[in-house]
Amino acid sequence: MTPSENKISMRVLLANPAFTRDLGNGLERYMLGAGMRYPWSLLKRTCDRPRYAMFPLFLAYAAALLEQDGFAVKVIDGVPLNVREGEFIARVQESSPEVIFFEPNAAAIDDTLRLIQTLRTTVPATLVLGGSHATSRAQELLENYPFIDYVVIGEYENSLLRLM
């Protein structure tokens, strides 16, 4: 098998889950993650899609670099589609990734860690974090959360490619 044939068989999932805080009366606080270099949320009705969702530019750039280098890449951006956690997990399981990458911000890190721990029990994939929050807390994340396999430091697009 050539190196490029080996890469194409590696399935990499770049994941951007949506997280919510139920406020009652059909309202929720909608937390935005990847692409947000600072904690940000919005108030919305539970059944509605968010009126604003930052395009996860860094995830898209990383996906393009990985695809260009021959990896089988899938992106699940649950934020603009208002994908709930159960459906998000089902989509991850369905994609059968070998590697899953997350870019959590500070506001969504606890939710992301809980989700990753759940995924660890159902999806046999290598779990990687990146982005500004993961960079600033890399050692802490790796020491305290054994279900995280790697943290890529700094602007992660090329670092993730090198790791793969």
Protein backbone atom coordinates (compact mmCIF):
# COMPACT_ATOMS: atom_id res chain seq x y z
CA MET A 1 0.00 0.00 0.00
CA THR A 2 1.38 3.42 -0.94
CA PRO A 3 1.39 6.30 1.60
CA SER A 4 -1.44 8.09 -0.22
CA GLU A 5 -3.54 4.88 -0.27
CA ASN A 6 -2.96 4.56 3.46
CA LYS A 7 -4.07 8.18 4.06
CA ILE A 8 -7.26 7.88 2.01
CA SER A 9 -8.33 4.98 4.17
CA MET A 10 -7.95 7.12 7.32
CA ARG A 11 -11.31 8.69 8.14
CA VAL A 12 -10.99 12.04 9.94
CA LEU A 13 -14.04 13.78 11.38
CA LEU A 14 -13.94 17.48 12.22
CA ALA A 15 -16.75 18.03 14.71
CA ASN A 16 -18.57 21.19 15.75
CA PRO A 17 -21.36 20.20 18.14
CA ALA A 18 -24.07 22.58 19.34
CA PHE A 19 -24.75 22.87 23.06
CA THR A 20 -27.73 24.44 24.78
CA ARG A 21 -28.88 25.59 28.20
CA ASP A 22 -32.63 25.13 28.79
CA LEU A 23 -34.13 28.36 30.14
CA GLY A 24 -37.73 27.14 30.30
CA ASN A 25 -40.80 28.45 28.47
CA GLY A 26 -39.45 27.09 25.16
CA LEU A 27 -36.29 29.23 25.30
CA GLU A 28 -32.67 28.17 25.43
CA ARG A 29 -29.18 29.64 25.53
CA TYR A 30 -27.38 28.36 22.41
CA MET A 31 -23.62 28.01 22.81
CA LEU A 32 -21.38 28.52 19.79
CA GLY A 33 -18.06 26.67 19.68
CA ALA A 34 -15.67 26.18 16.75
CA GLY A 35 -14.63 29.34 15.00
CA MET A 36 -15.36 31.45 18.06
CA ARG A 37 -12.16 32.76 19.61
CA TYR A 38 -14.16 33.95 22.61
CA PRO A 39 -17.21 32.57 24.47
CA TRP A 40 -20.40 33.52 22.69
CA SER A 41 -24.01 32.44 22.89
CA LEU A 42 -27.45 33.57 21.83
CA LEU A 43 -30.99 33.29 23.10
CA LYS A 44 -33.43 31.41 20.88
CA ARG A 45 -36.58 29.31 20.88
CA THR A 46 -35.82 25.62 21.34
CA CYS A 47 -37.30 24.56 17.99
CA ASP A 48 -35.63 27.31 15.92
CA ARG A 49 -32.30 27.23 14.18
CA PRO A 50 -29.90 29.90 15.42
CA ARG A 51 -30.23 33.24 13.65
CA TYR A 52 -26.44 33.50 13.63
CA ALA A 53 -23.72 30.88 13.40
CA MET A 54 -20.09 31.76 12.82
CA PHE A 55 -18.71 29.78 9.89
CA PRO A 56 -16.01 27.53 11.36
CA LEU A 57 -13.29 28.89 9.11
CA PHE A 58 -10.40 27.10 10.82
CA LEU A 59 -12.23 23.76 10.66
CA ALA A 60 -12.88 24.33 6.95
CA TYR A 61 -9.25 25.21 6.33
CA ALA A 62 -8.09 22.11 8.22
CA ALA A 63 -10.55 19.97 6.23
CA ALA A 64 -9.21 21.35 2.95
CA LEU A 65 -5.59 20.69 3.95
CA LEU A 66 -6.38 17.13 5.03
CA GLU A 67 -8.39 16.39 1.88
CA GLN A 68 -5.64 17.84 -0.30
CA ASP A 69 -3.19 15.47 1.39
CA GLY A 70 -5.40 12.44 0.69
CA PHE A 71 -7.36 11.90 3.90
CA ALA A 72 -11.06 10.97 3.90
CA VAL A 73 -12.52 14.00 5.71
CA LYS A 74 -16.01 14.62 7.01
CA VAL A 75 -17.23 17.72 8.84
CA ILE A 76 -20.28 17.71 11.08
CA ASP A 77 -21.28 21.28 11.88
CA GLY A 78 -24.20 20.88 14.24
CA VAL A 79 -24.48 24.57 15.06
CA PRO A 80 -26.29 26.07 12.04
CA LEU A 81 -28.49 22.97 11.72
CA ASN A 82 -29.53 22.98 15.40
CA VAL A 83 -28.46 19.32 15.70
CA ARG A 84 -29.19 18.01 19.18
CA GLU A 85 -26.65 15.94 21.08
CA GLY A 86 -28.32 12.56 20.50
CA GLU A 87 -28.51 13.15 16.75
CA PHE A 88 -24.96 14.49 16.74
CA ILE A 89 -23.67 11.32 18.42
CA ALA A 90 -25.61 9.19 15.93
CA ARG A 91 -24.05 11.11 13.02
CA VAL A 92 -20.57 10.63 14.49
CA GLN A 93 -21.17 6.90 14.96
CA GLU A 94 -22.55 6.60 11.43
CA SER A 95 -19.43 8.21 9.94
CA SER A 96 -17.16 5.60 11.64
CA PRO A 97 -14.21 7.98 12.06
CA GLU A 98 -10.75 6.86 13.06
CA VAL A 99 -9.92 10.37 14.33
CA ILE A 100 -12.29 13.01 15.72
CA PHE A 101 -11.16 16.61 16.11
CA PHE A 102 -12.91 19.28 18.22
CA GLU A 103 -12.21 23.02 18.60
CA PRO A 104 -14.02 23.92 21.84
CA ASN A 105 -14.03 27.42 23.26
CA ALA A 106 -14.03 28.20 26.99
CA ALA A 107 -17.83 28.47 27.22
CA ALA A 108 -18.37 25.00 25.71
CA ILE A 109 -15.36 23.09 27.09
CA ASP A 110 -17.28 21.26 29.83
CA ASP A 111 -19.98 20.24 27.36
CA THR A 112 -17.36 19.15 24.85
CA LEU A 113 -15.48 17.07 27.42
CA ARG A 114 -18.72 15.36 28.49
CA LEU A 115 -19.56 14.63 24.84
CA ILE A 116 -16.06 13.31 24.13
CA GLN A 117 -16.27 11.01 27.16
CA THR A 118 -19.58 9.64 25.83
CA LEU A 119 -18.11 9.18 22.36
CA ARG A 120 -15.09 7.39 23.83
CA THR A 121 -17.39 4.60 25.01
CA THR A 122 -19.17 4.18 21.66
CA VAL A 123 -16.72 5.19 18.91
CA PRO A 124 -13.24 3.64 18.74
CA ALA A 125 -11.53 6.79 17.46
CA THR A 126 -8.52 8.87 18.40
CA LEU A 127 -9.77 12.09 20.03
CA VAL A 128 -7.97 15.37 19.38
CA LEU A 129 -8.60 18.91 20.62
CA GLY A 130 -7.28 22.17 19.21
CA GLY A 131 -7.97 25.87 19.16
CA SER A 132 -7.21 28.72 21.52
CA HIS A 133 -8.78 27.25 24.66
CA ALA A 134 -7.19 23.83 24.17
CA THR A 135 -3.84 25.51 23.51
CA SER A 136 -3.99 27.51 26.72
CA ARG A 137 -5.01 24.44 28.77
CA ALA A 138 -3.20 21.65 26.88
CA GLN A 139 -1.26 20.16 29.79
CA GLU A 140 -4.27 20.33 32.12
CA LEU A 141 -6.54 18.69 29.53
CA LEU A 142 -4.13 15.84 28.84
CA GLU A 143 -3.39 15.24 32.54
CA ASN A 144 -6.97 15.40 33.81
CA TYR A 145 -8.95 13.86 30.95
CA PRO A 146 -7.40 10.54 29.90
CA PHE A 147 -10.00 10.11 27.14
CA ILE A 148 -8.29 12.91 25.18
CA ASP A 149 -5.50 11.47 23.06
CA TYR A 150 -3.89 14.63 21.68
CA VAL A 151 -4.03 18.41 21.87
CA VAL A 152 -2.60 20.34 18.93
CA ILE A 153 -1.09 23.67 19.94
CA GLY A 154 -1.48 27.08 18.30
CA GLU A 155 -3.15 27.59 14.96
CA TYR A 156 -4.05 23.98 14.46
CA GLU A 157 -4.62 23.57 10.71
CA ASN A 158 -1.06 22.54 9.81
CA SER A 159 -0.40 20.95 13.21
CA LEU A 160 -3.40 18.66 12.74
CA LEU A 161 -2.17 17.75 9.27
CA ARG A 162 1.28 16.89 10.69
CA LEU A 163 -0.31 14.82 13.46
CA MET A 164 -2.33 12.83 10.94
